[in-house]
Amino acid sequence: MSIRTIEWKNNCIRMIDQTKLPQKLEYLNIKDLKALWQAIKLLKVRGAPALGGAAGLGVYLGIKGSRATGFLQFDNELRKVCDYLASSRPTARNLFWGLERMTQVSRANKNKSVSEIKKILFQEAMRIIEEDRVSCRKIGAFGAKLFSDNDSVLTICNTGILATIDYGTALGVIYRAHEEGKRLKIYACETRPLLQGARLTTWELKRKGMDVTLICDNMAAALMQQGKIKKVIAGADRIAANGDTANKIGTSGLAILAKYHKIPFYIAAPVSTFDLKIKNGKEITIEQRCSSEVTDLFFKKPIAPKGVKVFNPAFDVTPNALISAIITDKGVIRQPYLKNICSYLK
């Protein structure tokens, strides 16, 4: 399956509209910042690495038409673009990492003309895209070594092509193991309330010709009790300096279950997802989303009484003690995480 989640094409950002899957593979042509902000907020594009790509392309989209005559004016415009895009979603580290990286590159070239800086920023956005393609394949290569032929693997949310540029993090590990000839049976949690597992992960895996079984989120414990799960692997939206990991809501529950049943639980993410400014998971901002996603988004009629209170966090935090290893593009990190993360990220 040769597709790209997000790219620059015909002078605009071209991306898959993930809200239309699995019924329809449809592309959006994003020509202005407001449309990009809405695409991020509404999860038309999602997944930490893909949001890093969106950040790079978004900055260029926002400043390519600038008429600034000097760097100070240009820098002020760029800052406003970054602040606006940053307000779309608060948890995914790669979104902010991409914005920070573009800002740093611009300021490192402040002595050049505005037109030259624009070209440099476009090149940097393209570099972010290409680096993700490479890093995901490195994650896959490192992670595949942890999986054996005939393993049955449980995963949550979507961490594949659709969450990155064109390969995947946690699913990238699964893809690489498959490419190496290992026969894996994948169980995909549906991932309520937005059903990224049901809509996106099963769509990807079926198109890859892989053995995938969809389960409701609350069926994971039964599978583990029956000995049907050998490994659990998930992605990450932000990883603290001590290895505490924010990922799609429900991930921490799987980690607890895996620990009880003595099943290895892995996180797969590029080093760009680490946030060393945050000491532990308590400092990670968790996005709260609208109640309609729980009560009626995928139903013909609301499934709950009108006006009922709804708690709808997009993510939870898995404590580092529950994580068997973190698979990155620089290698596999194990305990003690606080020490080893720093050494890997140097």
C-alpha atoms as a PDB file:
ATOM      1  CA  MET A   1       0.000   0.000   0.000  1.00  0.00           C
ATOM      2  CA  SER A   2       1.824   3.061  -1.259  1.00  0.00           C
ATOM      3  CA  ILE A   3       0.103   6.151   0.112  1.00  0.00           C
ATOM      4  CA  ARG A   4       1.184   9.269   1.963  1.00  0.00           C
ATOM      5  CA  THR A   5      -0.868  10.704   4.792  1.00  0.00           C
ATOM      6  CA  ILE A   6       0.322  14.267   4.217  1.00  0.00           C
ATOM      7  CA  GLU A   7       2.505  15.993   1.616  1.00  0.00           C
ATOM      8  CA  TRP A   8       3.050  19.257  -0.255  1.00  0.00           C
ATOM      9  CA  LYS A   9       1.510  19.093  -3.708  1.00  0.00           C
ATOM     10  CA  ASN A  10       0.287  21.699  -6.210  1.00  0.00           C
ATOM     11  CA  ASN A  11       1.269  24.553  -3.894  1.00  0.00           C
ATOM     12  CA  CYS A  12      -0.886  23.348  -0.995  1.00  0.00           C
ATOM     13  CA  ILE A  13      -0.990  20.707   1.726  1.00  0.00           C
ATOM     14  CA  ARG A  14      -2.526  17.482   0.466  1.00  0.00           C
ATOM     15  CA  MET A  15      -3.710  15.079   3.136  1.00  0.00           C
ATOM     16  CA  ILE A  16      -5.975  12.091   3.599  1.00  0.00           C
ATOM     17  CA  ASP A  17      -9.244  12.999   5.305  1.00  0.00           C
ATOM     18  CA  GLN A  18      -9.201  10.342   7.995  1.00  0.00           C
ATOM     19  CA  THR A  19     -12.746  11.112   9.109  1.00  0.00           C
ATOM     20  CA  LYS A  20     -13.987   9.592   5.821  1.00  0.00           C
ATOM     21  CA  LEU A  21     -12.295   6.245   6.355  1.00  0.00           C
ATOM     22  CA  PRO A  22     -12.929   3.360   6.027  1.00  0.00           C
ATOM     23  CA  GLN A  23     -15.805   4.063   3.644  1.00  0.00           C
ATOM     24  CA  LYS A  24     -13.889   6.407   1.370  1.00  0.00           C
ATOM     25  CA  LEU A  25     -10.238   7.292   0.685  1.00  0.00           C
ATOM     26  CA  GLU A  26     -10.538  11.020   0.084  1.00  0.00           C
ATOM     27  CA  TYR A  27      -7.898  13.741  -0.031  1.00  0.00           C
ATOM     28  CA  LEU A  28      -8.080  17.340   1.164  1.00  0.00           C
ATOM     29  CA  ASN A  29      -6.218  20.204  -0.459  1.00  0.00           C
ATOM     30  CA  ILE A  30      -5.437  22.650   2.354  1.00  0.00           C
ATOM     31  CA  LYS A  31      -4.769  26.155   1.084  1.00  0.00           C
ATOM     32  CA  ASP A  32      -5.045  28.293   4.222  1.00  0.00           C
ATOM     33  CA  LEU A  33      -4.216  28.106   7.927  1.00  0.00           C
ATOM     34  CA  LYS A  34      -7.810  28.074   9.137  1.00  0.00           C
ATOM     35  CA  ALA A  35      -8.518  24.954   7.078  1.00  0.00           C
ATOM     36  CA  LEU A  36      -5.381  23.301   8.469  1.00  0.00           C
ATOM     37  CA  TRP A  37      -6.291  24.234  12.064  1.00  0.00           C
ATOM     38  CA  GLN A  38      -9.733  22.712  11.599  1.00  0.00           C
ATOM     39  CA  ALA A  39      -8.284  19.585   9.982  1.00  0.00           C
ATOM     40  CA  ILE A  40      -6.046  19.057  13.016  1.00  0.00           C
ATOM     41  CA  LYS A  41      -8.766  19.836  15.550  1.00  0.00           C
ATOM     42  CA  LEU A  42     -11.332  17.577  13.860  1.00  0.00           C
ATOM     43  CA  LEU A  43      -8.766  14.765  13.449  1.00  0.00           C
ATOM     44  CA  LYS A  44      -8.849  14.816   9.676  1.00  0.00           C
ATOM     45  CA  VAL A  45      -5.110  14.501  10.188  1.00  0.00           C
ATOM     46  CA  ARG A  46      -3.890  12.904  13.428  1.00  0.00           C
ATOM     47  CA  GLY A  47      -1.065  10.889  14.931  1.00  0.00           C
ATOM     48  CA  ALA A  48       1.927  12.541  16.566  1.00  0.00           C
ATOM     49  CA  PRO A  49       4.445  12.148  13.698  1.00  0.00           C
ATOM     50  CA  ALA A  50       1.879  13.208  11.081  1.00  0.00           C
ATOM     51  CA  LEU A  51       1.182  16.310  13.168  1.00  0.00           C
ATOM     52  CA  GLY A  52       4.901  17.071  13.126  1.00  0.00           C
ATOM     53  CA  GLY A  53       4.709  17.044   9.341  1.00  0.00           C
ATOM     54  CA  ALA A  54       1.574  19.184   9.445  1.00  0.00           C
ATOM     55  CA  ALA A  55       3.399  21.682  11.644  1.00  0.00           C
ATOM     56  CA  GLY A  56       6.298  22.047   9.230  1.00  0.00           C
ATOM     57  CA  LEU A  57       4.108  22.379   6.171  1.00  0.00           C
ATOM     58  CA  GLY A  58       1.678  24.594   8.076  1.00  0.00           C
ATOM     59  CA  VAL A  59       4.343  27.114   8.985  1.00  0.00           C
ATOM     60  CA  TYR A  60       5.397  27.390   5.365  1.00  0.00           C
ATOM     61  CA  LEU A  61       1.780  27.644   4.246  1.00  0.00           C
ATOM     62  CA  GLY A  62       1.245  30.470   6.723  1.00  0.00           C
ATOM     63  CA  ILE A  63       4.273  32.559   5.758  1.00  0.00           C
ATOM     64  CA  LYS A  64       4.803  31.867   2.067  1.00  0.00           C
ATOM     65  CA  GLY A  65       2.667  34.863   1.130  1.00  0.00           C
ATOM     66  CA  SER A  66       4.307  37.208   3.649  1.00  0.00           C
ATOM     67  CA  ARG A  67       5.130  40.680   2.382  1.00  0.00           C
ATOM     68  CA  ALA A  68       7.447  41.447   5.285  1.00  0.00           C
ATOM     69  CA  THR A  69      10.444  43.538   4.265  1.00  0.00           C
ATOM     70  CA  GLY A  70      12.611  42.725   7.275  1.00  0.00           C
ATOM     71  CA  PHE A  71      13.231  39.873   9.681  1.00  0.00           C
ATOM     72  CA  LEU A  72      11.539  41.393  12.734  1.00  0.00           C
ATOM     73  CA  GLN A  73       8.278  41.819  10.862  1.00  0.00           C
ATOM     74  CA  PHE A  74       8.606  38.345   9.349  1.00  0.00           C
ATOM     75  CA  ASP A  75       9.429  36.768  12.716  1.00  0.00           C
ATOM     76  CA  ASN A  76       6.346  38.344  14.259  1.00  0.00           C
ATOM     77  CA  GLU A  77       4.184  36.884  11.477  1.00  0.00           C
ATOM     78  CA  LEU A  78       5.780  33.463  11.894  1.00  0.00           C
ATOM     79  CA  ARG A  79       5.200  33.540  15.664  1.00  0.00           C
ATOM     80  CA  LYS A  80       1.505  34.264  15.125  1.00  0.00           C
ATOM     81  CA  VAL A  81       1.257  31.343  12.688  1.00  0.00           C
ATOM     82  CA  CYS A  82       2.889  29.013  15.215  1.00  0.00           C
ATOM     83  CA  ASP A  83       0.739  30.198  18.112  1.00  0.00           C
ATOM     84  CA  TYR A  84      -2.394  29.662  16.050  1.00  0.00           C
ATOM     85  CA  LEU A  85      -1.467  26.142  14.969  1.00  0.00           C
ATOM     86  CA  ALA A  86      -0.349  25.261  18.514  1.00  0.00           C
ATOM     87  CA  SER A  87      -3.839  26.083  19.802  1.00  0.00           C
ATOM     88  CA  SER A  88      -5.402  23.272  17.759  1.00  0.00           C
ATOM     89  CA  ARG A  89      -4.417  20.345  20.022  1.00  0.00           C
ATOM     90  CA  PRO A  90      -2.418  20.435  23.281  1.00  0.00           C
ATOM     91  CA  THR A  91      -1.009  16.943  23.906  1.00  0.00           C
ATOM     92  CA  ALA A  92       0.908  15.680  20.854  1.00  0.00           C
ATOM     93  CA  ARG A  93       4.552  16.651  21.331  1.00  0.00           C
ATOM     94  CA  ASN A  94       5.411  16.417  17.628  1.00  0.00           C
ATOM     95  CA  LEU A  95       3.075  19.271  16.718  1.00  0.00           C
ATOM     96  CA  PHE A  96       4.983  21.614  19.020  1.00  0.00           C
ATOM     97  CA  TRP A  97       8.322  20.056  18.092  1.00  0.00           C
ATOM     98  CA  GLY A  98       7.653  20.850  14.436  1.00  0.00           C
ATOM     99  CA  LEU A  99       6.640  24.432  15.169  1.00  0.00           C
ATOM    100  CA  GLU A 100       9.690  24.963  17.397  1.00  0.00           C
ATOM    101  CA  ARG A 101      11.995  23.486  14.786  1.00  0.00           C
ATOM    102  CA  MET A 102      10.679  25.763  12.037  1.00  0.00           C
ATOM    103  CA  THR A 103      11.006  28.796  14.311  1.00  0.00           C
ATOM    104  CA  GLN A 104      14.603  27.917  15.218  1.00  0.00           C
ATOM    105  CA  VAL A 105      15.570  27.480  11.573  1.00  0.00           C
ATOM    106  CA  SER A 106      14.044  30.832  10.680  1.00  0.00           C
ATOM    107  CA  ARG A 107      15.863  32.634  13.477  1.00  0.00           C
ATOM    108  CA  ALA A 108      19.146  30.907  12.658  1.00  0.00           C
ATOM    109  CA  ASN A 109      18.922  32.542   9.209  1.00  0.00           C
ATOM    110  CA  LYS A 110      17.725  35.967  10.316  1.00  0.00           C
ATOM    111  CA  ASN A 111      20.518  37.721   8.436  1.00  0.00           C
ATOM    112  CA  LYS A 112      19.243  36.425   5.112  1.00  0.00           C
ATOM    113  CA  SER A 113      16.499  38.026   3.031  1.00  0.00           C
ATOM    114  CA  VAL A 114      12.871  37.134   3.711  1.00  0.00           C
ATOM    115  CA  SER A 115      12.596  35.367   0.354  1.00  0.00           C
ATOM    116  CA  GLU A 116      15.641  33.239   1.208  1.00  0.00           C
ATOM    117  CA  ILE A 117      14.213  32.359   4.645  1.00  0.00           C
ATOM    118  CA  LYS A 118      10.986  31.228   3.005  1.00  0.00           C
ATOM    119  CA  LYS A 119      12.915  28.846   0.760  1.00  0.00           C
ATOM    120  CA  ILE A 120      14.867  27.537   3.744  1.00  0.00           C
ATOM    121  CA  LEU A 121      11.648  26.950   5.690  1.00  0.00           C
ATOM    122  CA  PHE A 122      10.155  25.006   2.791  1.00  0.00           C
ATOM    123  CA  GLN A 123      13.286  22.872   2.632  1.00  0.00           C
ATOM    124  CA  GLU A 124      13.059  22.276   6.396  1.00  0.00           C
ATOM    125  CA  ALA A 125       9.422  21.200   6.128  1.00  0.00           C
ATOM    126  CA  MET A 126      10.413  18.722   3.413  1.00  0.00           C
ATOM    127  CA  ARG A 127      13.238  17.529   5.662  1.00  0.00           C
ATOM    128  CA  ILE A 128      10.776  16.861   8.503  1.00  0.00           C
ATOM    129  CA  ILE A 129       8.668  14.776   6.119  1.00  0.00           C
ATOM    130  CA  GLU A 130      11.614  12.736   4.868  1.00  0.00           C
ATOM    131  CA  GLU A 131      13.066  12.265   8.351  1.00  0.00           C
ATOM    132  CA  ASP A 132       9.787  10.766   9.520  1.00  0.00           C
ATOM    133  CA  ARG A 133       9.855   8.254   6.680  1.00  0.00           C
ATOM    134  CA  VAL A 134      13.363   7.201   7.695  1.00  0.00           C
ATOM    135  CA  SER A 135      12.775   7.214  11.458  1.00  0.00           C
ATOM    136  CA  CYS A 136       9.644   5.063  11.225  1.00  0.00           C
ATOM    137  CA  ARG A 137      11.533   2.423   9.290  1.00  0.00           C
ATOM    138  CA  LYS A 138      14.292   2.471  11.912  1.00  0.00           C
ATOM    139  CA  ILE A 139      11.665   2.009  14.646  1.00  0.00           C
ATOM    140  CA  GLY A 140      10.309  -0.918  12.670  1.00  0.00           C
ATOM    141  CA  ALA A 141      13.736  -2.520  12.301  1.00  0.00           C
ATOM    142  CA  PHE A 142      14.594  -2.192  16.000  1.00  0.00           C
ATOM    143  CA  GLY A 143      11.164  -3.282  17.168  1.00  0.00           C
ATOM    144  CA  ALA A 144      10.730  -6.283  14.889  1.00  0.00           C
ATOM    145  CA  LYS A 145      13.544  -8.030  16.765  1.00  0.00           C
ATOM    146  CA  LEU A 146      11.264  -8.186  19.824  1.00  0.00           C
ATOM    147  CA  PHE A 147       8.606 -10.183  17.965  1.00  0.00           C
ATOM    148  CA  SER A 148       8.582 -13.870  17.068  1.00  0.00           C
ATOM    149  CA  ASP A 149       6.910 -15.933  14.382  1.00  0.00           C
ATOM    150  CA  ASN A 150       3.277 -16.717  15.280  1.00  0.00           C
ATOM    151  CA  ASP A 151       3.067 -13.985  17.930  1.00  0.00           C
ATOM    152  CA  SER A 152      -0.407 -12.654  18.650  1.00  0.00           C
ATOM    153  CA  VAL A 153      -0.234  -8.896  19.187  1.00  0.00           C
ATOM    154  CA  LEU A 154      -2.687  -6.440  20.723  1.00  0.00           C
ATOM    155  CA  THR A 155      -2.650  -2.779  19.720  1.00  0.00           C
ATOM    156  CA  ILE A 156      -4.774   0.308  20.295  1.00  0.00           C
ATOM    157  CA  CYS A 157      -5.707   3.384  18.251  1.00  0.00           C
ATOM    158  CA  ASN A 158      -3.916   3.837  14.913  1.00  0.00           C
ATOM    159  CA  THR A 159      -0.133   4.003  14.776  1.00  0.00           C
ATOM    160  CA  GLY A 160       0.499   3.155  11.156  1.00  0.00           C
ATOM    161  CA  ILE A 161       0.675   4.916   7.820  1.00  0.00           C
ATOM    162  CA  LEU A 162      -2.188   7.229   8.761  1.00  0.00           C
ATOM    163  CA  ALA A 163      -0.494   8.392  11.969  1.00  0.00           C
ATOM    164  CA  THR A 164       2.811   9.120  10.248  1.00  0.00           C
ATOM    165  CA  ILE A 165       3.876  10.058   6.735  1.00  0.00           C
ATOM    166  CA  ASP A 166       3.788   6.639   5.108  1.00  0.00           C
ATOM    167  CA  TYR A 167       4.804   3.754   7.420  1.00  0.00           C
ATOM    168  CA  GLY A 168       4.063   3.822  11.122  1.00  0.00           C
ATOM    169  CA  THR A 169       5.441   3.554  14.656  1.00  0.00           C
ATOM    170  CA  ALA A 170       3.813   0.665  16.549  1.00  0.00           C
ATOM    171  CA  LEU A 171       2.237  -0.631  13.333  1.00  0.00           C
ATOM    172  CA  GLY A 172       5.543   0.060  11.622  1.00  0.00           C
ATOM    173  CA  VAL A 173       7.091  -2.542  13.935  1.00  0.00           C
ATOM    174  CA  ILE A 174       4.344  -4.972  12.949  1.00  0.00           C
ATOM    175  CA  TYR A 175       4.831  -4.191   9.253  1.00  0.00           C
ATOM    176  CA  ARG A 176       8.584  -4.796   9.485  1.00  0.00           C
ATOM    177  CA  ALA A 177       8.084  -8.099  11.324  1.00  0.00           C
ATOM    178  CA  HIS A 178       5.632  -9.114   8.586  1.00  0.00           C
ATOM    179  CA  GLU A 179       8.131  -8.105   5.888  1.00  0.00           C
ATOM    180  CA  GLU A 180      10.703 -10.326   7.600  1.00  0.00           C
ATOM    181  CA  GLY A 181       8.359 -13.285   7.183  1.00  0.00           C
ATOM    182  CA  LYS A 182       7.027 -13.454  10.720  1.00  0.00           C
ATOM    183  CA  ARG A 183       3.396 -14.533  10.836  1.00  0.00           C
ATOM    184  CA  LEU A 184       1.571 -12.292  13.295  1.00  0.00           C
ATOM    185  CA  LYS A 185      -2.035 -12.302  14.404  1.00  0.00           C
ATOM    186  CA  ILE A 186      -3.140  -8.770  15.263  1.00  0.00           C
ATOM    187  CA  TYR A 187      -5.957  -7.857  17.615  1.00  0.00           C
ATOM    188  CA  ALA A 188      -7.028  -4.232  17.208  1.00  0.00           C
ATOM    189  CA  CYS A 189      -8.904  -2.457  19.987  1.00  0.00           C
ATOM    190  CA  GLU A 190     -11.737  -0.413  18.493  1.00  0.00           C
ATOM    191  CA  THR A 191     -10.563   2.616  20.523  1.00  0.00           C
ATOM    192  CA  ARG A 192     -13.668   4.394  21.723  1.00  0.00           C
ATOM    193  CA  PRO A 193     -14.968   6.996  21.348  1.00  0.00           C
ATOM    194  CA  LEU A 194     -13.487   7.930  17.938  1.00  0.00           C
ATOM    195  CA  LEU A 195     -12.852   4.349  16.807  1.00  0.00           C
ATOM    196  CA  GLN A 196      -9.411   4.879  15.297  1.00  0.00           C
ATOM    197  CA  GLY A 197      -8.681   1.179  15.760  1.00  0.00           C
ATOM    198  CA  ALA A 198     -11.885   0.040  14.090  1.00  0.00           C
ATOM    199  CA  ARG A 199     -11.901   2.615  11.295  1.00  0.00           C
ATOM    200  CA  LEU A 200      -8.213   3.106  10.554  1.00  0.00           C
ATOM    201  CA  THR A 201      -6.032   0.296  11.882  1.00  0.00           C
ATOM    202  CA  THR A 202      -8.182  -2.510  10.501  1.00  0.00           C
ATOM    203  CA  TRP A 203      -8.400  -0.624   7.178  1.00  0.00           C
ATOM    204  CA  GLU A 204      -4.615  -0.430   6.955  1.00  0.00           C
ATOM    205  CA  LEU A 205      -3.967  -4.012   8.017  1.00  0.00           C
ATOM    206  CA  LYS A 206      -6.561  -5.466   5.656  1.00  0.00           C
ATOM    207  CA  ARG A 207      -5.068  -3.516   2.754  1.00  0.00           C
ATOM    208  CA  LYS A 208      -1.693  -4.963   3.747  1.00  0.00           C
ATOM    209  CA  GLY A 209      -3.185  -8.458   3.654  1.00  0.00           C
ATOM    210  CA  MET A 210      -2.486  -9.091   7.323  1.00  0.00           C
ATOM    211  CA  ASP A 211      -4.395 -11.196   9.846  1.00  0.00           C
ATOM    212  CA  VAL A 212      -6.374  -8.709  11.943  1.00  0.00           C
ATOM    213  CA  THR A 213      -9.253  -9.195  14.364  1.00  0.00           C
ATOM    214  CA  LEU A 214     -11.251  -6.264  15.712  1.00  0.00           C
ATOM    215  CA  ILE A 215     -12.294  -6.264  19.379  1.00  0.00           C
ATOM    216  CA  CYS A 216     -14.223  -3.914  21.634  1.00  0.00           C
ATOM    217  CA  ASP A 217     -11.910  -2.186  24.090  1.00  0.00           C
ATOM    218  CA  ASN A 218     -13.386  -4.039  27.068  1.00  0.00           C
ATOM    219  CA  MET A 219     -12.569  -7.440  25.545  1.00  0.00           C
ATOM    220  CA  ALA A 220      -8.806  -7.108  26.041  1.00  0.00           C
ATOM    221  CA  ALA A 221      -8.780  -8.658  29.518  1.00  0.00           C
ATOM    222  CA  ALA A 222     -10.681 -11.735  28.317  1.00  0.00           C
ATOM    223  CA  LEU A 223      -8.173 -12.265  25.505  1.00  0.00           C
ATOM    224  CA  MET A 224      -5.273 -12.047  27.922  1.00  0.00           C
ATOM    225  CA  GLN A 225      -6.928 -14.414  30.388  1.00  0.00           C
ATOM    226  CA  GLN A 226      -7.325 -16.944  27.582  1.00  0.00           C
ATOM    227  CA  GLY A 227      -3.638 -16.692  26.691  1.00  0.00           C
ATOM    228  CA  LYS A 228      -4.362 -15.279  23.253  1.00  0.00           C
ATOM    229  CA  ILE A 229      -2.077 -12.239  23.541  1.00  0.00           C
ATOM    230  CA  LYS A 230       1.723 -12.571  23.519  1.00  0.00           C
ATOM    231  CA  LYS A 231       2.710  -8.910  23.092  1.00  0.00           C
ATOM    232  CA  VAL A 232       1.066  -5.490  23.417  1.00  0.00           C
ATOM    233  CA  ILE A 233       2.368  -2.487  21.479  1.00  0.00           C
ATOM    234  CA  ALA A 234       1.154   1.110  21.376  1.00  0.00           C
ATOM    235  CA  GLY A 235       2.333   4.467  20.086  1.00  0.00           C
ATOM    236  CA  ALA A 236       2.862   7.710  21.986  1.00  0.00           C
ATOM    237  CA  ASP A 237       1.838  11.337  21.742  1.00  0.00           C
ATOM    238  CA  ARG A 238       4.270  12.636  24.362  1.00  0.00           C
ATOM    239  CA  ILE A 239       6.893  10.913  26.504  1.00  0.00           C
ATOM    240  CA  ALA A 240       8.216  12.539  29.685  1.00  0.00           C
ATOM    241  CA  ALA A 241      11.866  12.464  30.739  1.00  0.00           C
ATOM    242  CA  ASN A 242      11.206   9.529  33.080  1.00  0.00           C
ATOM    243  CA  GLY A 243       9.433   7.443  30.419  1.00  0.00           C
ATOM    244  CA  ASP A 244       5.848   8.130  31.499  1.00  0.00           C
ATOM    245  CA  THR A 245       3.900   8.064  28.244  1.00  0.00           C
ATOM    246  CA  ALA A 246       0.755   9.827  27.068  1.00  0.00           C
ATOM    247  CA  ASN A 247      -1.149   7.883  24.443  1.00  0.00           C
ATOM    248  CA  LYS A 248      -4.720   7.355  23.306  1.00  0.00           C
ATOM    249  CA  ILE A 249      -7.209   6.882  26.135  1.00  0.00           C
ATOM    250  CA  GLY A 250      -7.303   3.234  27.174  1.00  0.00           C
ATOM    251  CA  THR A 251      -3.580   2.611  26.764  1.00  0.00           C
ATOM    252  CA  SER A 252      -2.829   2.709  30.491  1.00  0.00           C
ATOM    253  CA  GLY A 253      -5.556   0.122  31.094  1.00  0.00           C
ATOM    254  CA  LEU A 254      -3.923  -2.232  28.606  1.00  0.00           C
ATOM    255  CA  ALA A 255      -0.565  -1.710  30.311  1.00  0.00           C
ATOM    256  CA  ILE A 256      -2.049  -2.618  33.701  1.00  0.00           C
ATOM    257  CA  LEU A 257      -3.661  -5.738  32.255  1.00  0.00           C
ATOM    258  CA  ALA A 258      -0.440  -6.727  30.498  1.00  0.00           C
ATOM    259  CA  LYS A 259       1.554  -6.337  33.714  1.00  0.00           C
ATOM    260  CA  TYR A 260      -0.890  -8.552  35.619  1.00  0.00           C
ATOM    261  CA  HIS A 261      -0.799 -11.235  32.931  1.00  0.00           C
ATOM    262  CA  LYS A 262       3.006 -10.984  32.517  1.00  0.00           C
ATOM    263  CA  ILE A 263       2.755  -9.883  28.879  1.00  0.00           C
ATOM    264  CA  PRO A 264       5.425  -7.535  27.434  1.00  0.00           C
ATOM    265  CA  PHE A 265       4.048  -4.035  26.852  1.00  0.00           C
ATOM    266  CA  TYR A 266       5.928  -1.873  24.355  1.00  0.00           C
ATOM    267  CA  ILE A 267       5.751   1.767  23.313  1.00  0.00           C
ATOM    268  CA  ALA A 268       6.990   2.757  19.842  1.00  0.00           C
ATOM    269  CA  ALA A 269       7.776   6.388  19.027  1.00  0.00           C
ATOM    270  CA  PRO A 270      10.436   8.573  17.377  1.00  0.00           C
ATOM    271  CA  VAL A 271      12.773  10.595  19.589  1.00  0.00           C
ATOM    272  CA  SER A 272      10.890  13.734  18.496  1.00  0.00           C
ATOM    273  CA  THR A 273       8.001  12.585  20.714  1.00  0.00           C
ATOM    274  CA  PHE A 274      10.094  12.852  23.885  1.00  0.00           C
ATOM    275  CA  ASP A 275       9.684  16.006  25.966  1.00  0.00           C
ATOM    276  CA  LEU A 276      12.639  16.264  28.333  1.00  0.00           C
ATOM    277  CA  LYS A 277      11.261  19.492  29.801  1.00  0.00           C
ATOM    278  CA  ILE A 278       8.565  17.403  31.458  1.00  0.00           C
ATOM    279  CA  LYS A 279       9.831  15.372  34.427  1.00  0.00           C
ATOM    280  CA  ASN A 280       6.934  12.922  34.581  1.00  0.00           C
ATOM    281  CA  GLY A 281       3.463  12.174  33.267  1.00  0.00           C
ATOM    282  CA  LYS A 282       1.728  14.408  35.802  1.00  0.00           C
ATOM    283  CA  GLU A 283       3.015  17.423  33.870  1.00  0.00           C
ATOM    284  CA  ILE A 284       1.529  16.340  30.534  1.00  0.00           C
ATOM    285  CA  THR A 285      -1.495  18.374  29.451  1.00  0.00           C
ATOM    286  CA  ILE A 286      -4.358  16.048  28.540  1.00  0.00           C
ATOM    287  CA  GLU A 287      -6.734  17.217  25.824  1.00  0.00           C
ATOM    288  CA  GLN A 288     -10.425  17.199  26.761  1.00  0.00           C
ATOM    289  CA  ARG A 289     -12.769  16.770  23.816  1.00  0.00           C
ATOM    290  CA  CYS A 290     -16.454  17.477  23.235  1.00  0.00           C
ATOM    291  CA  SER A 291     -19.206  15.323  24.739  1.00  0.00           C
ATOM    292  CA  SER A 292     -20.871  14.549  21.393  1.00  0.00           C
ATOM    293  CA  GLU A 293     -17.983  12.235  20.467  1.00  0.00           C
ATOM    294  CA  VAL A 294     -19.179   9.925  23.244  1.00  0.00           C
ATOM    295  CA  THR A 295     -22.952  10.378  23.078  1.00  0.00           C
ATOM    296  CA  ASP A 296     -23.879  10.494  19.403  1.00  0.00           C
ATOM    297  CA  LEU A 297     -21.042  10.961  16.880  1.00  0.00           C
ATOM    298  CA  PHE A 298     -21.258   7.508  15.286  1.00  0.00           C
ATOM    299  CA  PHE A 299     -24.923   6.805  16.033  1.00  0.00           C
ATOM    300  CA  LYS A 300     -28.120   7.654  14.169  1.00  0.00           C
ATOM    301  CA  LYS A 301     -29.652   8.702  17.472  1.00  0.00           C
ATOM    302  CA  PRO A 302     -27.985   9.781  20.744  1.00  0.00           C
ATOM    303  CA  ILE A 303     -27.229   6.834  23.012  1.00  0.00           C
ATOM    304  CA  ALA A 304     -27.362   8.827  26.258  1.00  0.00           C
ATOM    305  CA  PRO A 305     -29.927  11.169  27.856  1.00  0.00           C
ATOM    306  CA  LYS A 306     -29.754  14.747  26.643  1.00  0.00           C
ATOM    307  CA  GLY A 307     -27.627  16.925  28.896  1.00  0.00           C
ATOM    308  CA  VAL A 308     -25.816  14.073  30.674  1.00  0.00           C
ATOM    309  CA  LYS A 309     -22.338  14.966  31.930  1.00  0.00           C
ATOM    310  CA  VAL A 310     -19.538  13.448  29.837  1.00  0.00           C
ATOM    311  CA  PHE A 311     -15.870  12.909  30.697  1.00  0.00           C
ATOM    312  CA  ASN A 312     -13.936  12.666  27.431  1.00  0.00           C
ATOM    313  CA  PRO A 313     -10.127  12.892  27.736  1.00  0.00           C
ATOM    314  CA  ALA A 314      -8.364  12.095  24.477  1.00  0.00           C
ATOM    315  CA  PHE A 315      -5.354  10.537  26.229  1.00  0.00           C
ATOM    316  CA  ASP A 316      -4.196   8.875  29.412  1.00  0.00           C
ATOM    317  CA  VAL A 317      -0.709   8.445  30.866  1.00  0.00           C
ATOM    318  CA  THR A 318       0.972   5.069  31.249  1.00  0.00           C
ATOM    319  CA  PRO A 319       3.491   5.047  34.146  1.00  0.00           C
ATOM    320  CA  ASN A 320       6.993   3.993  33.118  1.00  0.00           C
ATOM    321  CA  ALA A 321       6.936   1.014  35.521  1.00  0.00           C
ATOM    322  CA  LEU A 322       4.370  -0.667  33.266  1.00  0.00           C
ATOM    323  CA  ILE A 323       6.412  -0.264  30.069  1.00  0.00           C
ATOM    324  CA  SER A 324       8.699  -3.168  29.118  1.00  0.00           C
ATOM    325  CA  ALA A 325      10.642  -1.096  26.573  1.00  0.00           C
ATOM    326  CA  ILE A 326      10.354   2.030  24.436  1.00  0.00           C
ATOM    327  CA  ILE A 327      11.209   1.383  20.785  1.00  0.00           C
ATOM    328  CA  THR A 328      12.686   4.457  19.101  1.00  0.00           C
ATOM    329  CA  ASP A 329      14.506   5.338  15.909  1.00  0.00           C
ATOM    330  CA  LYS A 330      17.751   5.323  17.918  1.00  0.00           C
ATOM    331  CA  GLY A 331      17.251   1.931  19.503  1.00  0.00           C
ATOM    332  CA  VAL A 332      15.284   0.117  22.199  1.00  0.00           C
ATOM    333  CA  ILE A 333      15.298   1.911  25.557  1.00  0.00           C
ATOM    334  CA  ARG A 334      14.781  -0.069  28.753  1.00  0.00           C
ATOM    335  CA  GLN A 335      14.760   0.711  32.470  1.00  0.00           C
ATOM    336  CA  PRO A 336      16.052   2.786  34.137  1.00  0.00           C
ATOM    337  CA  TYR A 337      14.317   5.188  31.759  1.00  0.00           C
ATOM    338  CA  LEU A 338      15.374   8.452  33.365  1.00  0.00           C
ATOM    339  CA  LYS A 339      19.038   7.558  32.807  1.00  0.00           C
ATOM    340  CA  ASN A 340      18.737   5.722  29.510  1.00  0.00           C
ATOM    341  CA  ILE A 341      16.426   8.187  27.759  1.00  0.00           C
ATOM    342  CA  CYS A 342      18.934  10.955  28.316  1.00  0.00           C
ATOM    343  CA  SER A 343      21.799   8.849  26.987  1.00  0.00           C
ATOM    344  CA  TYR A 344      19.847   7.807  23.867  1.00  0.00           C
ATOM    345  CA  LEU A 345      18.695  11.351  23.108  1.00  0.00           C
ATOM    346  CA  LYS A 346      22.122  12.993  23.382  1.00  0.00           C
END
